[in-house]
Amino acid sequence: MRTISHFINGQSVTRPGALTSPVYDPSTGQVQALLEHGDAAILGEAVAAAKAAQPAWAAIDPLHRARVIFRFKALIEEHRQELIYLMSSEHGKLLGDSNGELQRGLDVVEFMCGVPHLQKGEFTQGAGPGVNVYSIREPLGVVAGIPPFNFPGMIPLWMLTPAIAVGNAFILKPSERVPSAALRIVELAHEAGVPPGIVNVVQGVQEVGEAIGDHPDIKAVTFIGSTAVAKSVYARGAGNGKRVLCLGGAKNHGVILPDADLDSAVVDILAGAFGSAGERCMAMPVIVPVGKETAEAVRERLLEEIPKLRIGVSTDPNAQMGPVVTPENKKKIESYIQLAVDEGAELVIDGRGRSLPGHEEGFFLWPTLIDHATQSMQSYQDEIFGPTLQIVRAETFEEALSYPNVHHQGNAVTVFTRSGDWAQRFVAGVEVGMVGVNFPLPTPVGYYSHGGWKNSAFGDLNQYGEDSIRFFTRTKNVTQRWPHGGPATEL
């Protein structure tokens, strides 16, 4: 069976006898590869290689690094189908979803091709008599990224591209559930001209993540995952003096005002709730219709449309939703569905207990619809991260606005309305980091930045965009004065 290993200093590295864990094909339920686990010693080798290579990479002029990033972009596009297949075969998402994910990653790579401009400092002439002041944005050194399982290609690109573009060396620890696409992306970076040691992959589980937080030569860590782990990574890294950016969980609400175009809104809600089997931080697992009439109309449309969704394997071109990533994830989602029932919510459509003919061992769940959820329910408060949609009913605009505002997570929200006035009131009053207006997945474009508020984010900057330049560099301010004397003399 294929074994997936590390990539250090420009070459594959394996350790005979190392612990391994299975990597599944969620569509079939079969183990397709074994992942070799790294440890603190393997991480130490990667950090040593990165530390040795980084000064020369940082000394290269930014335009040269930009050309390497541009070649990297071209190679990703050239190998698009290969990467899409790797992503879908290990995650379970449909090929079309993987294609869209990869493009969002490429958007960030394209933005980073402008690093010579983005990394420029500032200059003030005449800050005082004969005094000039200027700033320099210098790379940090060796930095690390820990992406989640749900975007196996996009988020590694979000993390590693800005890090190396500004002159750092990078250590990537992919999710143990979906390691292959990230590894292949790093190999392509090496083929594009990134020197050995500048981009490295250390595979593994919690032990490697903890070693990253502890290693004194790693100067910054970026992480995306659950809120509990984000808090832990942030505390560990910050406690060891590192710069840390962690994005946590989400419970994104879709607020439906009485004047909304319900036909259009329901199409968006289906995509937001059930796309990628609900396993994405920008999913819309909760809707808040305002008024009983709106709630009943939305429910009626969902009852009609949800059963029409076609469930299939990741390679099925006609499917609209694939499996979830592992059997453990499937059990967790099923337990939350039961919890909602036990807490008194109405289970309108139950997606449990079904299998896909010919793929009975696959990790499939059908879409689930839950009505009459309330703020007091744990199943509402927690991030379920699966193909479930909860309806929380509100009587007024103010009540609807309070749901995302009071919730402990503040990642994203969408409002559906035809009224510009109500939309502006909503945007001004809502307390989350990313807001959509008639837009179900409000992930900002690659030249803005991505991040939530409250327990959805830890750190003072966001992913990608200019925030990533700030995160992966430190500013050196220089104040200089040259003495005034007689006429200039020849040197």
Protein backbone atom coordinates (compact mmCIF):
# COMPACT_ATOMS: atom_id res chain seq x y z
CA MET A 1 0.00 0.00 0.00
CA ARG A 2 1.16 3.52 -0.78
CA THR A 3 2.83 5.38 2.09
CA ILE A 4 2.72 9.17 2.28
CA SER A 5 5.81 10.65 3.89
CA HIS A 6 7.61 13.93 4.53
CA PHE A 7 9.33 16.42 2.21
CA ILE A 8 12.42 18.03 3.72
CA ASN A 9 15.20 20.02 2.09
CA GLY A 10 13.93 19.28 -1.41
CA GLN A 11 13.47 15.53 -1.13
CA SER A 12 11.17 12.85 0.21
CA VAL A 13 12.08 11.63 3.68
CA THR A 14 10.84 8.39 5.28
CA ARG A 15 11.57 6.72 8.59
CA PRO A 16 11.23 2.91 8.65
CA GLY A 17 9.15 1.71 11.55
CA ALA A 18 7.36 5.02 12.08
CA LEU A 19 3.77 5.01 13.27
CA THR A 20 1.17 5.27 10.51
CA SER A 21 -2.54 6.02 10.20
CA PRO A 22 -5.04 5.27 7.43
CA VAL A 23 -6.00 7.72 4.72
CA TYR A 24 -9.48 6.87 3.43
CA ASP A 25 -11.34 7.23 0.19
CA PRO A 26 -14.61 8.51 1.70
CA SER A 27 -16.63 7.45 -1.35
CA THR A 28 -15.76 3.78 -0.88
CA GLY A 29 -14.85 3.69 2.79
CA GLN A 30 -11.63 1.91 1.88
CA VAL A 31 -8.11 2.73 3.07
CA GLN A 32 -6.17 4.02 0.07
CA ALA A 33 -2.84 4.92 1.72
CA LEU A 34 -0.95 5.03 4.98
CA LEU A 35 0.35 8.29 6.41
CA GLU A 36 3.74 8.19 8.09
CA HIS A 37 3.69 10.13 11.35
CA GLY A 38 6.45 12.57 12.10
CA ASP A 39 7.65 13.61 15.53
CA ALA A 40 9.71 16.32 17.19
CA ALA A 41 12.92 14.87 15.74
CA ILE A 42 11.65 14.95 12.15
CA LEU A 43 10.36 18.46 12.71
CA GLY A 44 13.80 19.42 14.01
CA GLU A 45 15.37 18.20 10.76
CA ALA A 46 12.93 20.29 8.74
CA VAL A 47 13.54 23.38 10.86
CA ALA A 48 17.31 22.98 10.58
CA ALA A 49 17.07 22.75 6.79
CA ALA A 50 14.73 25.75 6.68
CA LYS A 51 16.92 27.84 8.97
CA ALA A 52 20.00 27.13 6.85
CA ALA A 53 18.27 27.97 3.56
CA GLN A 54 16.25 31.03 4.59
CA PRO A 55 18.92 33.80 4.69
CA ALA A 56 19.91 33.28 1.04
CA TRP A 57 16.26 33.19 -0.05
CA ALA A 58 15.52 36.40 1.86
CA ALA A 59 18.53 38.09 0.27
CA ILE A 60 17.20 37.50 -3.25
CA ASP A 61 15.51 40.54 -4.72
CA PRO A 62 11.69 40.52 -4.44
CA LEU A 63 11.20 40.54 -8.21
CA HIS A 64 13.07 37.25 -8.50
CA ARG A 65 10.90 35.71 -5.79
CA ALA A 66 7.82 37.01 -7.61
CA ARG A 67 8.94 35.23 -10.79
CA VAL A 68 9.27 31.99 -8.84
CA ILE A 69 5.75 32.46 -7.44
CA PHE A 70 4.47 33.09 -10.97
CA ARG A 71 6.05 29.83 -12.18
CA PHE A 72 4.51 28.11 -9.15
CA LYS A 73 1.10 29.42 -10.21
CA ALA A 74 1.63 28.12 -13.75
CA LEU A 75 2.58 24.66 -12.49
CA ILE A 76 -0.50 24.45 -10.29
CA GLU A 77 -2.65 25.30 -13.30
CA GLU A 78 -0.79 22.74 -15.40
CA HIS A 79 -1.39 20.05 -12.75
CA ARG A 80 -4.91 21.20 -11.90
CA GLN A 81 -6.65 17.91 -12.71
CA GLU A 82 -4.12 15.89 -10.72
CA LEU A 83 -4.54 18.13 -7.69
CA ILE A 84 -8.33 18.17 -7.95
CA TYR A 85 -8.40 14.37 -7.99
CA LEU A 86 -6.10 14.13 -4.96
CA MET A 87 -8.29 16.57 -3.04
CA SER A 88 -11.55 14.80 -3.86
CA SER A 89 -10.24 11.27 -3.39
CA GLU A 90 -9.14 11.97 0.19
CA HIS A 91 -11.76 14.50 1.29
CA GLY A 92 -14.80 13.16 -0.56
CA LYS A 93 -15.94 16.48 -1.99
CA LEU A 94 -17.05 16.56 -5.60
CA LEU A 95 -14.52 17.30 -8.33
CA GLY A 96 -16.32 20.55 -9.11
CA ASP A 97 -16.00 21.65 -5.48
CA SER A 98 -12.29 20.81 -5.53
CA ASN A 99 -11.85 22.78 -8.73
CA GLY A 100 -13.49 25.82 -7.17
CA GLU A 101 -11.40 25.41 -4.03
CA LEU A 102 -8.17 25.26 -6.00
CA GLN A 103 -9.11 28.40 -7.92
CA ARG A 104 -9.64 30.29 -4.66
CA GLY A 105 -6.17 29.22 -3.63
CA LEU A 106 -4.77 30.37 -6.96
CA ASP A 107 -6.37 33.78 -6.42
CA VAL A 108 -4.06 34.25 -3.44
CA VAL A 109 -1.05 32.98 -5.39
CA GLU A 110 -1.81 35.51 -8.12
CA PHE A 111 -2.05 38.32 -5.57
CA MET A 112 1.33 37.34 -4.15
CA CYS A 113 2.94 37.71 -7.57
CA GLY A 114 2.79 41.42 -6.69
CA VAL A 115 5.07 40.97 -3.67
CA PRO A 116 7.68 43.55 -4.83
CA HIS A 117 5.03 46.23 -4.38
CA LEU A 118 3.32 44.67 -1.37
CA GLN A 119 6.53 44.37 0.63
CA LYS A 120 7.67 47.94 0.07
CA GLY A 121 8.28 50.08 3.12
CA GLU A 122 7.63 53.80 3.64
CA PHE A 123 9.92 56.84 3.37
CA THR A 124 9.76 60.35 4.76
CA GLN A 125 12.31 62.93 3.68
CA GLY A 126 12.90 65.86 6.00
CA ALA A 127 11.37 64.42 9.14
CA GLY A 128 13.71 66.84 10.90
CA PRO A 129 16.70 69.00 9.90
CA GLY A 130 18.67 66.72 7.61
CA VAL A 131 16.70 63.71 8.88
CA ASN A 132 15.11 60.99 6.76
CA VAL A 133 12.97 58.16 8.12
CA TYR A 134 12.14 54.92 6.32
CA SER A 135 10.78 51.48 7.12
CA ILE A 136 11.76 48.01 5.98
CA ARG A 137 9.54 44.91 5.99
CA GLU A 138 11.81 41.97 6.77
CA PRO A 139 10.85 38.27 6.82
CA LEU A 140 10.61 36.55 10.19
CA GLY A 141 12.77 33.52 9.39
CA VAL A 142 11.26 30.05 9.76
CA VAL A 143 7.45 29.96 10.00
CA ALA A 144 4.86 27.17 10.03
CA GLY A 145 1.30 26.46 8.93
CA ILE A 146 -1.25 23.90 10.13
CA PRO A 147 -4.24 23.74 7.73
CA PRO A 148 -7.53 21.86 8.34
CA PHE A 149 -8.88 18.83 6.51
CA ASN A 150 -11.78 20.55 4.77
CA PHE A 151 -9.74 22.52 2.20
CA PRO A 152 -6.76 20.30 1.41
CA GLY A 153 -5.46 22.48 -1.44
CA MET A 154 -6.70 26.02 -0.90
CA ILE A 155 -5.58 26.69 2.65
CA PRO A 156 -2.03 25.35 2.22
CA LEU A 157 -1.78 27.85 -0.66
CA TRP A 158 -3.17 30.62 1.58
CA MET A 159 -0.47 29.89 4.14
CA LEU A 160 2.70 28.97 2.32
CA THR A 161 2.54 31.37 -0.64
CA PRO A 162 2.67 34.68 1.28
CA ALA A 163 5.16 33.20 3.74
CA ILE A 164 7.75 32.34 1.12
CA ALA A 165 6.96 35.28 -1.17
CA VAL A 166 8.25 37.73 1.45
CA GLY A 167 11.40 35.69 2.12
CA ASN A 168 10.58 33.21 4.89
CA ALA A 169 11.16 29.48 4.98
CA PHE A 170 8.02 27.45 5.65
CA ILE A 171 7.08 24.23 7.45
CA LEU A 172 3.70 22.75 6.49
CA LYS A 173 1.90 20.16 8.61
CA PRO A 174 -1.08 19.01 6.51
CA SER A 175 -4.15 17.43 8.03
CA GLU A 176 -3.53 13.72 8.55
CA ARG A 177 -6.87 13.02 6.82
CA VAL A 178 -5.99 14.73 3.52
CA PRO A 179 -2.20 14.89 3.16
CA SER A 180 -1.56 14.22 -0.53
CA ALA A 181 -2.64 17.45 -2.23
CA ALA A 182 -0.59 19.60 0.16
CA LEU A 183 2.46 17.41 -0.38
CA ARG A 184 2.09 17.64 -4.15
CA ILE A 185 1.70 21.42 -3.97
CA VAL A 186 4.99 21.68 -2.09
CA GLU A 187 6.69 19.46 -4.67
CA LEU A 188 5.42 21.81 -7.39
CA ALA A 189 6.80 24.80 -5.49
CA HIS A 190 10.18 23.08 -5.51
CA GLU A 191 9.87 22.42 -9.25
CA ALA A 192 9.02 26.10 -9.77
CA GLY A 193 12.38 27.16 -8.38
CA VAL A 194 11.81 27.49 -4.65
CA PRO A 195 15.20 26.39 -3.23
CA PRO A 196 15.59 23.24 -1.12
CA GLY A 197 14.75 23.87 2.50
CA ILE A 198 12.43 26.82 1.87
CA VAL A 199 9.22 24.75 1.77
CA ASN A 200 9.04 21.56 3.82
CA VAL A 201 6.29 19.11 4.80
CA VAL A 202 6.20 17.24 8.09
CA GLN A 203 3.30 14.80 8.26
CA GLY A 204 1.69 13.75 11.49
CA VAL A 205 -0.87 14.37 14.18
CA GLN A 206 -1.02 16.31 17.45
CA GLU A 207 2.58 15.58 18.45
CA VAL A 208 3.91 17.48 15.43
CA GLY A 209 1.57 20.40 16.03
CA GLU A 210 2.72 20.68 19.63
CA ALA A 211 6.37 20.48 18.56
CA ILE A 212 5.76 23.35 16.14
CA GLY A 213 4.41 25.45 18.99
CA ASP A 214 7.44 24.64 21.15
CA HIS A 215 10.34 24.88 18.69
CA PRO A 216 12.37 28.04 19.42
CA ASP A 217 13.46 28.56 15.81
CA ILE A 218 9.90 28.73 14.47
CA LYS A 219 8.97 32.40 14.69
CA ALA A 220 5.32 32.31 13.62
CA VAL A 221 2.48 29.79 13.36
CA THR A 222 -0.75 30.03 11.41
CA PHE A 223 -3.57 27.54 12.01
CA ILE A 224 -7.15 26.89 10.89
CA GLY A 225 -9.38 24.34 12.59
CA SER A 226 -11.79 23.92 15.48
CA THR A 227 -12.12 26.61 18.13
CA ALA A 228 -10.84 24.33 20.89
CA VAL A 229 -7.65 23.48 19.01
CA ALA A 230 -7.25 27.06 17.78
CA LYS A 231 -7.26 28.27 21.39
CA SER A 232 -4.69 25.64 22.33
CA VAL A 233 -2.36 26.41 19.41
CA TYR A 234 -2.65 30.13 20.07
CA ALA A 235 -1.90 29.80 23.77
CA ARG A 236 1.03 27.47 23.21
CA GLY A 237 2.62 29.51 20.44
CA ALA A 238 2.07 32.90 22.05
CA GLY A 239 3.32 31.53 25.36
CA ASN A 240 6.55 30.62 23.60
CA GLY A 241 6.93 34.10 22.14
CA LYS A 242 5.75 33.33 18.62
CA ARG A 243 3.53 35.38 16.36
CA VAL A 244 0.33 33.34 16.04
CA LEU A 245 -2.77 33.55 13.84
CA CYS A 246 -5.48 30.97 14.48
CA LEU A 247 -8.91 30.75 12.88
CA GLY A 248 -11.43 28.60 14.74
CA GLY A 249 -14.92 27.27 14.27
CA ALA A 250 -18.02 28.87 12.81
CA LYS A 251 -21.79 28.86 13.09
CA ASN A 252 -22.73 31.02 10.13
CA HIS A 253 -26.32 32.30 10.03
CA GLY A 254 -28.48 33.12 7.03
CA VAL A 255 -31.04 35.77 8.01
CA ILE A 256 -34.09 35.86 5.70
CA LEU A 257 -36.12 39.06 5.78
CA PRO A 258 -39.81 39.05 4.71
CA ASP A 259 -39.06 40.90 1.47
CA ALA A 260 -36.40 38.43 0.29
CA ASP A 261 -36.58 36.67 -3.06
CA LEU A 262 -37.28 33.26 -1.55
CA ASP A 263 -36.74 31.25 -4.72
CA SER A 264 -33.26 32.70 -5.11
CA ALA A 265 -32.55 32.52 -1.38
CA VAL A 266 -33.43 28.82 -1.17
CA VAL A 267 -31.03 28.00 -4.01
CA ASP A 268 -28.29 29.84 -2.10
CA ILE A 269 -29.23 28.18 1.19
CA LEU A 270 -29.00 24.71 -0.34
CA ALA A 271 -25.55 25.51 -1.69
CA GLY A 272 -24.45 27.06 1.59
CA ALA A 273 -25.73 24.28 3.83
CA PHE A 274 -24.98 21.18 1.78
CA GLY A 275 -22.13 22.06 -0.58
CA SER A 276 -19.04 19.98 0.26
CA ALA A 277 -21.35 18.04 2.62
CA GLY A 278 -21.38 21.04 4.94
CA GLU A 279 -17.72 20.49 5.81
CA ARG A 280 -16.45 24.02 5.36
CA CYS A 281 -15.98 26.94 7.68
CA MET A 282 -18.11 29.17 5.43
CA ALA A 283 -21.09 26.78 5.37
CA MET A 284 -24.54 28.06 6.31
CA PRO A 285 -25.85 25.55 8.88
CA VAL A 286 -28.44 27.92 10.40
CA ILE A 287 -31.15 30.06 8.81
CA VAL A 288 -33.20 32.67 10.65
CA PRO A 289 -36.42 33.55 8.81
CA VAL A 290 -38.15 36.66 10.14
CA GLY A 291 -41.87 36.19 10.76
CA LYS A 292 -44.03 33.06 10.71
CA GLU A 293 -45.10 33.56 7.09
CA THR A 294 -41.48 33.74 5.93
CA ALA A 295 -40.52 30.71 8.01
CA GLU A 296 -43.34 28.55 6.66
CA ALA A 297 -42.67 29.59 3.07
CA VAL A 298 -38.95 28.79 3.36
CA ARG A 299 -39.65 25.48 5.09
CA GLU A 300 -42.11 24.48 2.36
CA ARG A 301 -39.56 25.20 -0.36
CA LEU A 302 -36.81 23.32 1.48
CA LEU A 303 -39.09 20.31 1.95
CA GLU A 304 -39.59 20.29 -1.79
CA GLU A 305 -35.99 20.88 -2.86
CA ILE A 306 -33.82 18.98 -0.37
CA PRO A 307 -35.04 15.50 -1.46
CA LYS A 308 -34.08 16.40 -5.03
CA LEU A 309 -30.39 16.78 -4.15
CA ARG A 310 -28.38 14.03 -5.80
CA ILE A 311 -25.86 12.28 -3.54
CA GLY A 312 -22.92 10.54 -5.20
CA VAL A 313 -19.26 9.63 -5.13
CA SER A 314 -16.71 12.39 -5.53
CA THR A 315 -16.16 11.61 -9.22
CA ASP A 316 -19.86 11.56 -10.17
CA PRO A 317 -20.38 14.54 -12.51
CA ASN A 318 -24.12 14.55 -11.80
CA ALA A 319 -23.85 14.52 -8.01
CA GLN A 320 -24.57 17.60 -5.91
CA MET A 321 -23.11 16.32 -2.64
CA GLY A 322 -20.53 13.70 -1.74
CA PRO A 323 -19.61 11.84 1.47
CA VAL A 324 -18.10 13.23 4.66
CA VAL A 325 -14.41 12.75 5.27
CA THR A 326 -14.11 9.90 7.80
CA PRO A 327 -16.31 7.42 9.69
CA GLU A 328 -15.55 9.34 12.89
CA ASN A 329 -16.89 12.55 11.37
CA LYS A 330 -20.02 10.73 10.22
CA LYS A 331 -20.69 9.42 13.73
CA LYS A 332 -20.14 12.87 15.23
CA ILE A 333 -22.65 14.48 12.85
CA GLU A 334 -25.20 11.74 13.52
CA SER A 335 -24.81 12.27 17.26
CA TYR A 336 -25.58 15.99 16.85
CA ILE A 337 -28.71 15.19 14.86
CA GLN A 338 -29.88 12.97 17.72
CA LEU A 339 -28.94 15.65 20.24
CA ALA A 340 -31.15 18.16 18.42
CA VAL A 341 -34.07 15.73 18.67
CA ASP A 342 -33.39 15.07 22.34
CA GLU A 343 -33.31 18.82 23.01
CA GLY A 344 -36.78 19.26 21.52
CA ALA A 345 -36.11 20.43 17.98
CA GLU A 346 -38.24 19.04 15.15
CA LEU A 347 -36.45 16.63 12.84
CA VAL A 348 -38.11 17.46 9.52
CA ILE A 349 -35.81 15.50 7.19
CA ASP A 350 -33.53 12.82 8.66
CA GLY A 351 -30.39 12.15 6.61
CA ARG A 352 -29.23 9.21 8.69
CA GLY A 353 -29.56 5.51 7.99
CA ARG A 354 -29.11 5.54 4.22
CA SER A 355 -26.36 4.21 1.97
CA LEU A 356 -25.38 4.73 -1.63
CA PRO A 357 -26.06 1.64 -3.79
CA GLY A 358 -22.77 0.11 -4.82
CA HIS A 359 -20.89 2.15 -2.22
CA GLU A 360 -22.45 0.89 0.99
CA GLU A 361 -19.20 1.33 2.93
CA GLY A 362 -18.81 4.98 1.94
CA PHE A 363 -19.19 7.71 4.54
CA PHE A 364 -22.46 9.08 3.22
CA LEU A 365 -25.04 11.16 5.04
CA TRP A 366 -28.08 12.63 3.34
CA PRO A 367 -29.09 16.27 3.97
CA THR A 368 -30.86 16.83 7.28
CA LEU A 369 -33.38 19.60 8.05
CA ILE A 370 -34.14 20.60 11.65
CA ASP A 371 -36.80 23.17 12.60
CA HIS A 372 -37.60 25.04 15.81
CA ALA A 373 -34.02 25.09 17.07
CA THR A 374 -33.41 27.60 19.85
CA GLN A 375 -30.50 29.47 21.38
CA SER A 376 -30.57 27.30 24.49
CA MET A 377 -29.83 24.10 22.54
CA GLN A 378 -26.28 22.74 22.50
CA SER A 379 -26.91 21.47 18.97
CA TYR A 380 -27.42 25.11 17.93
CA GLN A 381 -24.47 26.51 19.85
CA ASP A 382 -21.94 23.96 18.56
CA GLU A 383 -20.45 23.71 15.09
CA ILE A 384 -21.76 20.43 13.64
CA PHE A 385 -19.69 20.54 10.42
CA GLY A 386 -21.87 18.33 8.29
CA PRO A 387 -24.90 18.34 5.94
CA THR A 388 -27.38 19.69 8.48
CA LEU A 389 -29.56 22.81 8.31
CA GLN A 390 -31.27 24.26 11.40
CA ILE A 391 -34.16 26.73 11.30
CA VAL A 392 -34.24 29.23 14.16
CA ARG A 393 -37.36 31.38 13.96
CA ALA A 394 -37.42 35.11 14.75
CA GLU A 395 -40.36 37.50 15.00
CA THR A 396 -38.52 40.75 14.25
CA PHE A 397 -35.44 42.10 12.49
CA GLU A 398 -33.91 42.96 15.86
CA GLU A 399 -34.40 39.43 17.17
CA ALA A 400 -32.90 37.94 14.01
CA LEU A 401 -29.89 40.24 14.28
CA SER A 402 -29.36 39.17 17.87
CA TYR A 403 -28.74 35.52 16.96
CA PRO A 404 -25.38 35.97 15.19
CA ASN A 405 -24.48 38.79 17.57
CA VAL A 406 -24.99 36.78 20.74
CA HIS A 407 -23.45 33.57 19.40
CA HIS A 408 -19.95 32.91 20.71
CA GLN A 409 -18.60 32.39 17.19
CA GLY A 410 -18.53 35.25 14.72
CA ASN A 411 -17.15 33.98 11.45
CA ALA A 412 -19.68 34.87 8.73
CA VAL A 413 -23.33 35.75 8.13
CA THR A 414 -25.63 36.42 5.19
CA VAL A 415 -28.78 38.51 4.96
CA PHE A 416 -31.36 37.91 2.23
CA THR A 417 -33.39 41.00 1.33
CA ARG A 418 -34.46 43.22 -1.56
CA SER A 419 -34.07 46.35 0.58
CA GLY A 420 -30.85 48.31 0.47
CA ASP A 421 -31.88 50.12 3.64
CA TRP A 422 -32.41 46.94 5.64
CA ALA A 423 -29.20 45.47 4.22
CA GLN A 424 -27.22 48.52 5.35
CA ARG A 425 -28.77 48.33 8.81
CA PHE A 426 -27.84 44.68 9.01
CA VAL A 427 -24.25 45.22 7.85
CA ALA A 428 -23.80 48.07 10.34
CA GLY A 429 -25.29 46.16 13.27
CA VAL A 430 -24.01 42.61 12.88
CA GLU A 431 -20.98 41.52 14.91
CA VAL A 432 -19.15 39.05 12.69
CA GLY A 433 -16.05 39.25 10.52
CA MET A 434 -17.46 38.44 7.06
CA VAL A 435 -20.89 39.54 5.83
CA GLY A 436 -22.83 38.55 2.71
CA VAL A 437 -25.79 40.40 1.25
CA ASN A 438 -27.76 37.94 -0.90
CA PHE A 439 -24.47 36.01 -1.11
CA PRO A 440 -24.36 32.66 0.70
CA LEU A 441 -20.60 32.12 1.06
CA PRO A 442 -19.04 35.53 1.69
CA THR A 443 -15.39 34.49 1.48
CA PRO A 444 -13.56 37.67 0.43
CA VAL A 445 -11.60 37.75 -2.81
CA GLY A 446 -7.87 37.14 -2.67
CA TYR A 447 -6.86 40.79 -2.44
CA TYR A 448 -8.94 41.39 0.70
CA SER A 449 -8.51 39.10 3.73
CA HIS A 450 -10.35 36.25 5.46
CA GLY A 451 -11.15 36.04 9.15
CA GLY A 452 -13.85 36.07 11.78
CA TRP A 453 -14.49 37.63 15.18
CA LYS A 454 -15.02 36.34 18.72
CA ASN A 455 -14.22 32.63 19.15
CA SER A 456 -13.77 32.23 15.41
CA ALA A 457 -10.36 33.93 15.42
CA PHE A 458 -7.37 34.38 17.70
CA GLY A 459 -4.78 36.97 16.74
CA ASP A 460 -5.01 40.47 15.37
CA LEU A 461 -4.65 39.78 11.63
CA ASN A 462 -6.49 37.72 8.99
CA GLN A 463 -5.52 35.15 6.38
CA TYR A 464 -4.21 36.26 2.96
CA GLY A 465 -4.39 39.71 1.38
CA GLU A 466 -2.22 42.49 2.81
CA ASP A 467 -2.75 41.09 6.30
CA SER A 468 -0.61 38.10 5.34
CA ILE A 469 2.22 40.42 4.31
CA ARG A 470 2.01 42.07 7.73
CA PHE A 471 1.83 38.74 9.55
CA PHE A 472 4.84 37.18 7.85
CA THR A 473 7.10 40.25 8.09
CA ARG A 474 8.35 42.52 10.86
CA THR A 475 8.93 46.23 10.44
CA LYS A 476 12.30 47.86 10.98
CA ASN A 477 12.19 51.67 11.18
CA VAL A 478 15.35 53.59 10.34
CA THR A 479 16.01 57.23 11.26
CA GLN A 480 19.12 58.64 9.60
CA ARG A 481 20.92 61.94 9.54
CA TRP A 482 24.01 62.84 7.56
CA PRO A 483 26.25 65.62 8.87
CA HIS A 484 26.41 68.86 6.91
CA GLY A 485 29.93 70.04 6.22
CA GLY A 486 31.73 71.87 3.49
CA PRO A 487 31.52 71.07 -0.20
CA ALA A 488 31.34 67.45 -1.21
CA THR A 489 34.66 65.81 -1.85
CA GLU A 490 35.53 63.03 -4.20
CA LEU A 491 35.46 59.57 -2.72
